[in-house]
Amino acid sequence: METVIINIVGYAAALCMVCGYLPQAIHTIRTRDTDGIAVPTFLLLGLGSVFFVIQGIMLNNIPLVITNTITTVSSAIVFGIKIHNDRKKRRDKEQGGTPTSSR
């Protein structure tokens, strides 16, 4: 019975984590708006998710692996778009042009 409760808590945590991460990733993918995103934050969140994937594999904890695989991918996508947008703005600024909106 204890294992069942532990698994339910694990899956509930997984659902909350995924539902917390996906809206930001979906919004960023759709709008390409990354102005309000801090690079260190998403870098560290993504790195933390990678470590949780490793821990989940080591513990054979499927909810931990699934959740953090999804959040790692989401973080990587958002981070990639953020870096792309920041480089584009820097390039536009260096060329003396008006920076283009990331939206």
N, C-alpha and C. Protein backbone atom coordinates (compact mmCIF):
# COMPACT_ATOMS: atom_id res chain seq x y z
N MET A 1 0.82 -1.20 0.00
CA MET A 1 0.00 0.00 0.00
C MET A 1 0.87 1.27 0.00
N GLU A 2 1.97 1.23 0.75
CA GLU A 2 2.86 2.38 0.82
C GLU A 2 3.45 2.71 -0.54
N THR A 3 3.83 1.70 -1.32
CA THR A 3 4.39 1.90 -2.65
C THR A 3 3.37 2.56 -3.57
N VAL A 4 2.11 2.17 -3.45
CA VAL A 4 1.05 2.76 -4.28
C VAL A 4 0.92 4.25 -3.97
N ILE A 5 0.93 4.61 -2.70
CA ILE A 5 0.82 6.02 -2.31
C ILE A 5 2.04 6.80 -2.82
N ILE A 6 3.22 6.23 -2.69
CA ILE A 6 4.43 6.89 -3.18
C ILE A 6 4.34 7.11 -4.68
N ASN A 7 3.87 6.13 -5.42
CA ASN A 7 3.72 6.28 -6.87
C ASN A 7 2.68 7.34 -7.23
N ILE A 8 1.58 7.38 -6.50
CA ILE A 8 0.55 8.39 -6.76
C ILE A 8 1.12 9.78 -6.54
N VAL A 9 1.87 9.97 -5.45
CA VAL A 9 2.50 11.26 -5.19
C VAL A 9 3.50 11.60 -6.29
N GLY A 10 4.27 10.62 -6.74
CA GLY A 10 5.23 10.84 -7.82
C GLY A 10 4.56 11.26 -9.12
N TYR A 11 3.48 10.57 -9.48
CA TYR A 11 2.77 10.92 -10.71
C TYR A 11 2.07 12.29 -10.58
N ALA A 12 1.56 12.61 -9.39
CA ALA A 12 0.95 13.92 -9.18
C ALA A 12 2.00 15.02 -9.33
N ALA A 13 3.18 14.80 -8.77
CA ALA A 13 4.27 15.77 -8.92
C ALA A 13 4.66 15.91 -10.39
N ALA A 14 4.71 14.80 -11.10
CA ALA A 14 5.06 14.82 -12.52
C ALA A 14 4.05 15.64 -13.30
N LEU A 15 2.78 15.43 -13.03
CA LEU A 15 1.73 16.16 -13.73
C LEU A 15 1.83 17.66 -13.46
N CYS A 16 2.07 18.02 -12.20
CA CYS A 16 2.21 19.45 -11.85
C CYS A 16 3.42 20.07 -12.54
N MET A 17 4.54 19.37 -12.55
CA MET A 17 5.76 19.90 -13.17
C MET A 17 5.56 20.12 -14.68
N VAL A 18 5.00 19.13 -15.34
CA VAL A 18 4.80 19.23 -16.79
C VAL A 18 3.81 20.35 -17.10
N CYS A 19 2.72 20.42 -16.34
CA CYS A 19 1.72 21.47 -16.56
C CYS A 19 2.28 22.85 -16.23
N GLY A 20 3.29 22.92 -15.40
CA GLY A 20 3.93 24.19 -15.10
C GLY A 20 4.91 24.63 -16.16
N TYR A 21 5.59 23.69 -16.78
CA TYR A 21 6.62 24.01 -17.78
C TYR A 21 6.04 24.21 -19.18
N LEU A 22 5.13 23.37 -19.57
CA LEU A 22 4.66 23.39 -20.96
C LEU A 22 4.04 24.71 -21.41
N PRO A 23 3.24 25.40 -20.58
CA PRO A 23 2.68 26.67 -21.07
C PRO A 23 3.75 27.68 -21.49
N GLN A 24 4.84 27.78 -20.72
CA GLN A 24 5.92 28.70 -21.10
C GLN A 24 6.58 28.27 -22.39
N ALA A 25 6.84 26.99 -22.52
CA ALA A 25 7.47 26.49 -23.74
C ALA A 25 6.56 26.70 -24.95
N ILE A 26 5.30 26.39 -24.82
CA ILE A 26 4.35 26.55 -25.93
C ILE A 26 4.23 28.03 -26.31
N HIS A 27 4.12 28.90 -25.30
CA HIS A 27 4.04 30.34 -25.57
C HIS A 27 5.28 30.83 -26.31
N THR A 28 6.44 30.39 -25.86
CA THR A 28 7.69 30.83 -26.48
C THR A 28 7.81 30.31 -27.90
N ILE A 29 7.43 29.08 -28.13
CA ILE A 29 7.50 28.51 -29.48
C ILE A 29 6.55 29.24 -30.42
N ARG A 30 5.34 29.53 -29.95
CA ARG A 30 4.34 30.20 -30.80
C ARG A 30 4.69 31.65 -31.09
N THR A 31 5.10 32.39 -30.07
CA THR A 31 5.29 33.83 -30.23
C THR A 31 6.74 34.23 -30.49
N ARG A 32 7.66 33.36 -30.14
CA ARG A 32 9.10 33.66 -30.20
C ARG A 32 9.49 34.81 -29.28
N ASP A 33 8.59 35.15 -28.35
CA ASP A 33 8.84 36.23 -27.40
C ASP A 33 9.63 35.69 -26.22
N THR A 34 10.85 36.16 -26.08
CA THR A 34 11.72 35.70 -24.99
C THR A 34 12.25 36.87 -24.17
N ASP A 35 11.66 38.04 -24.33
CA ASP A 35 12.16 39.23 -23.63
C ASP A 35 12.14 39.07 -22.11
N GLY A 36 11.15 38.39 -21.57
CA GLY A 36 11.03 38.27 -20.12
C GLY A 36 11.71 37.05 -19.53
N ILE A 37 12.50 36.35 -20.33
CA ILE A 37 13.12 35.12 -19.86
C ILE A 37 14.58 35.36 -19.51
N ALA A 38 14.96 34.96 -18.31
CA ALA A 38 16.34 35.10 -17.86
C ALA A 38 17.12 33.84 -18.26
N VAL A 39 18.21 34.02 -19.00
CA VAL A 39 19.02 32.90 -19.47
C VAL A 39 19.52 32.03 -18.32
N PRO A 40 20.09 32.61 -17.26
CA PRO A 40 20.58 31.74 -16.18
C PRO A 40 19.48 30.88 -15.56
N THR A 41 18.28 31.44 -15.45
CA THR A 41 17.18 30.68 -14.86
C THR A 41 16.86 29.45 -15.68
N PHE A 42 16.66 29.61 -16.98
CA PHE A 42 16.30 28.45 -17.79
C PHE A 42 17.47 27.49 -17.96
N LEU A 43 18.68 28.01 -17.95
CA LEU A 43 19.86 27.15 -18.03
C LEU A 43 19.94 26.26 -16.78
N LEU A 44 19.77 26.86 -15.62
CA LEU A 44 19.85 26.09 -14.37
C LEU A 44 18.66 25.15 -14.20
N LEU A 45 17.46 25.58 -14.60
CA LEU A 45 16.30 24.69 -14.53
C LEU A 45 16.49 23.49 -15.45
N GLY A 46 16.99 23.74 -16.63
CA GLY A 46 17.25 22.64 -17.57
C GLY A 46 18.32 21.70 -17.06
N LEU A 47 19.36 22.24 -16.49
CA LEU A 47 20.43 21.41 -15.94
C LEU A 47 19.92 20.59 -14.75
N GLY A 48 19.11 21.22 -13.90
CA GLY A 48 18.50 20.49 -12.79
C GLY A 48 17.64 19.34 -13.28
N SER A 49 16.89 19.57 -14.34
CA SER A 49 16.06 18.50 -14.92
C SER A 49 16.91 17.35 -15.44
N VAL A 50 18.05 17.68 -16.05
CA VAL A 50 18.95 16.62 -16.54
C VAL A 50 19.42 15.75 -15.38
N PHE A 51 19.80 16.40 -14.28
CA PHE A 51 20.25 15.63 -13.11
C PHE A 51 19.12 14.78 -12.53
N PHE A 52 17.89 15.30 -12.54
CA PHE A 52 16.77 14.50 -12.06
C PHE A 52 16.49 13.30 -12.98
N VAL A 53 16.70 13.47 -14.28
CA VAL A 53 16.56 12.33 -15.20
C VAL A 53 17.57 11.25 -14.82
N ILE A 54 18.80 11.68 -14.58
CA ILE A 54 19.86 10.72 -14.21
C ILE A 54 19.49 10.03 -12.89
N GLN A 55 19.03 10.81 -11.92
CA GLN A 55 18.64 10.23 -10.64
C GLN A 55 17.47 9.26 -10.81
N GLY A 56 16.50 9.65 -11.63
CA GLY A 56 15.35 8.78 -11.87
C GLY A 56 15.76 7.46 -12.49
N ILE A 57 16.72 7.50 -13.41
CA ILE A 57 17.22 6.26 -14.03
C ILE A 57 17.91 5.41 -12.98
N MET A 58 18.74 6.05 -12.16
CA MET A 58 19.47 5.32 -11.13
C MET A 58 18.53 4.68 -10.10
N LEU A 59 17.41 5.35 -9.81
CA LEU A 59 16.44 4.84 -8.83
C LEU A 59 15.34 4.01 -9.47
N ASN A 60 15.36 3.92 -10.80
CA ASN A 60 14.29 3.25 -11.55
C ASN A 60 12.93 3.88 -11.21
N ASN A 61 12.92 5.21 -11.17
CA ASN A 61 11.73 5.99 -10.84
C ASN A 61 11.16 6.58 -12.13
N ILE A 62 10.20 5.91 -12.70
CA ILE A 62 9.64 6.29 -14.00
C ILE A 62 9.01 7.69 -13.99
N PRO A 63 8.21 8.07 -12.97
CA PRO A 63 7.65 9.43 -12.99
C PRO A 63 8.73 10.50 -13.02
N LEU A 64 9.80 10.30 -12.29
CA LEU A 64 10.90 11.26 -12.26
C LEU A 64 11.58 11.37 -13.63
N VAL A 65 11.78 10.24 -14.28
CA VAL A 65 12.42 10.23 -15.60
C VAL A 65 11.53 10.92 -16.64
N ILE A 66 10.26 10.55 -16.67
CA ILE A 66 9.34 11.11 -17.67
C ILE A 66 9.19 12.62 -17.49
N THR A 67 8.91 13.03 -16.27
CA THR A 67 8.71 14.45 -15.99
C THR A 67 9.91 15.28 -16.38
N ASN A 68 11.06 14.84 -15.96
CA ASN A 68 12.24 15.66 -16.19
C ASN A 68 12.78 15.54 -17.60
N THR A 69 12.44 14.50 -18.31
CA THR A 69 12.76 14.45 -19.74
C THR A 69 11.95 15.51 -20.47
N ILE A 70 10.67 15.61 -20.13
CA ILE A 70 9.82 16.62 -20.76
C ILE A 70 10.28 18.03 -20.40
N THR A 71 10.60 18.25 -19.12
CA THR A 71 11.04 19.60 -18.74
C THR A 71 12.41 19.94 -19.29
N THR A 72 13.27 18.94 -19.45
CA THR A 72 14.59 19.18 -20.06
C THR A 72 14.43 19.62 -21.51
N VAL A 73 13.58 18.90 -22.24
CA VAL A 73 13.35 19.25 -23.65
C VAL A 73 12.71 20.64 -23.75
N SER A 74 11.73 20.91 -22.89
CA SER A 74 11.08 22.23 -22.90
C SER A 74 12.09 23.34 -22.61
N SER A 75 12.91 23.13 -21.61
CA SER A 75 13.93 24.13 -21.26
C SER A 75 14.92 24.33 -22.40
N ALA A 76 15.32 23.25 -23.04
CA ALA A 76 16.28 23.35 -24.15
C ALA A 76 15.68 24.14 -25.31
N ILE A 77 14.42 23.91 -25.61
CA ILE A 77 13.76 24.64 -26.70
C ILE A 77 13.68 26.13 -26.37
N VAL A 78 13.20 26.45 -25.17
CA VAL A 78 13.08 27.85 -24.77
C VAL A 78 14.46 28.52 -24.74
N PHE A 79 15.44 27.82 -24.19
CA PHE A 79 16.81 28.35 -24.12
C PHE A 79 17.35 28.61 -25.53
N GLY A 80 17.12 27.69 -26.45
CA GLY A 80 17.59 27.86 -27.83
C GLY A 80 16.96 29.06 -28.50
N ILE A 81 15.67 29.23 -28.33
CA ILE A 81 14.98 30.38 -28.92
C ILE A 81 15.49 31.67 -28.28
N LYS A 82 15.68 31.66 -26.98
CA LYS A 82 16.20 32.85 -26.27
C LYS A 82 17.57 33.24 -26.80
N ILE A 83 18.47 32.29 -26.93
CA ILE A 83 19.82 32.59 -27.43
C ILE A 83 19.75 33.14 -28.86
N HIS A 84 18.93 32.51 -29.70
CA HIS A 84 18.75 32.97 -31.08
C HIS A 84 18.26 34.43 -31.11
N ASN A 85 17.24 34.72 -30.31
CA ASN A 85 16.69 36.08 -30.28
C ASN A 85 17.71 37.10 -29.77
N ASP A 86 18.43 36.73 -28.72
CA ASP A 86 19.42 37.65 -28.16
C ASP A 86 20.54 37.94 -29.16
N ARG A 87 20.99 36.93 -29.88
CA ARG A 87 22.03 37.14 -30.90
C ARG A 87 21.52 38.03 -32.03
N LYS A 88 20.28 37.81 -32.43
CA LYS A 88 19.69 38.61 -33.50
C LYS A 88 19.57 40.08 -33.08
N LYS A 89 19.15 40.32 -31.84
CA LYS A 89 19.05 41.69 -31.36
C LYS A 89 20.43 42.35 -31.29
N ARG A 90 21.43 41.61 -30.83
CA ARG A 90 22.79 42.14 -30.74
C ARG A 90 23.32 42.47 -32.13
N ARG A 91 23.08 41.59 -33.09
CA ARG A 91 23.53 41.81 -34.46
C ARG A 91 22.85 43.03 -35.06
N ASP A 92 21.54 43.15 -34.83
CA ASP A 92 20.81 44.32 -35.34
C ASP A 92 21.34 45.61 -34.73
N LYS A 93 21.63 45.58 -33.44
CA LYS A 93 22.15 46.76 -32.76
C LYS A 93 23.54 47.15 -33.28
N GLU A 94 24.38 46.15 -33.53
CA GLU A 94 25.74 46.41 -34.05
C GLU A 94 25.70 46.98 -35.45
N GLN A 95 24.68 46.61 -36.22
CA GLN A 95 24.57 47.08 -37.60
C GLN A 95 23.89 48.45 -37.65
N GLY A 96 23.50 48.97 -36.49
CA GLY A 96 22.91 50.30 -36.45
C GLY A 96 21.45 50.33 -36.80
N GLY A 97 20.86 49.21 -37.00
CA GLY A 97 19.45 49.14 -37.33
C GLY A 97 18.60 49.10 -36.09
N THR A 98 17.32 49.20 -36.32
CA THR A 98 16.38 49.08 -35.22
C THR A 98 16.22 47.60 -34.90
N PRO A 99 16.38 47.25 -33.63
CA PRO A 99 16.21 45.84 -33.28
C PRO A 99 14.82 45.36 -33.63
N THR A 100 14.75 44.19 -34.21
CA THR A 100 13.46 43.62 -34.56
C THR A 100 12.84 42.99 -33.34
N SER A 101 11.53 43.04 -33.30
CA SER A 101 10.82 42.43 -32.18
C SER A 101 10.93 40.92 -32.27
N SER A 102 10.95 40.28 -31.12
CA SER A 102 11.02 38.82 -31.10
C SER A 102 9.64 38.22 -31.12
N ARG A 103 8.63 39.04 -31.36
CA ARG A 103 7.25 38.53 -31.37
C ARG A 103 6.80 38.24 -32.75
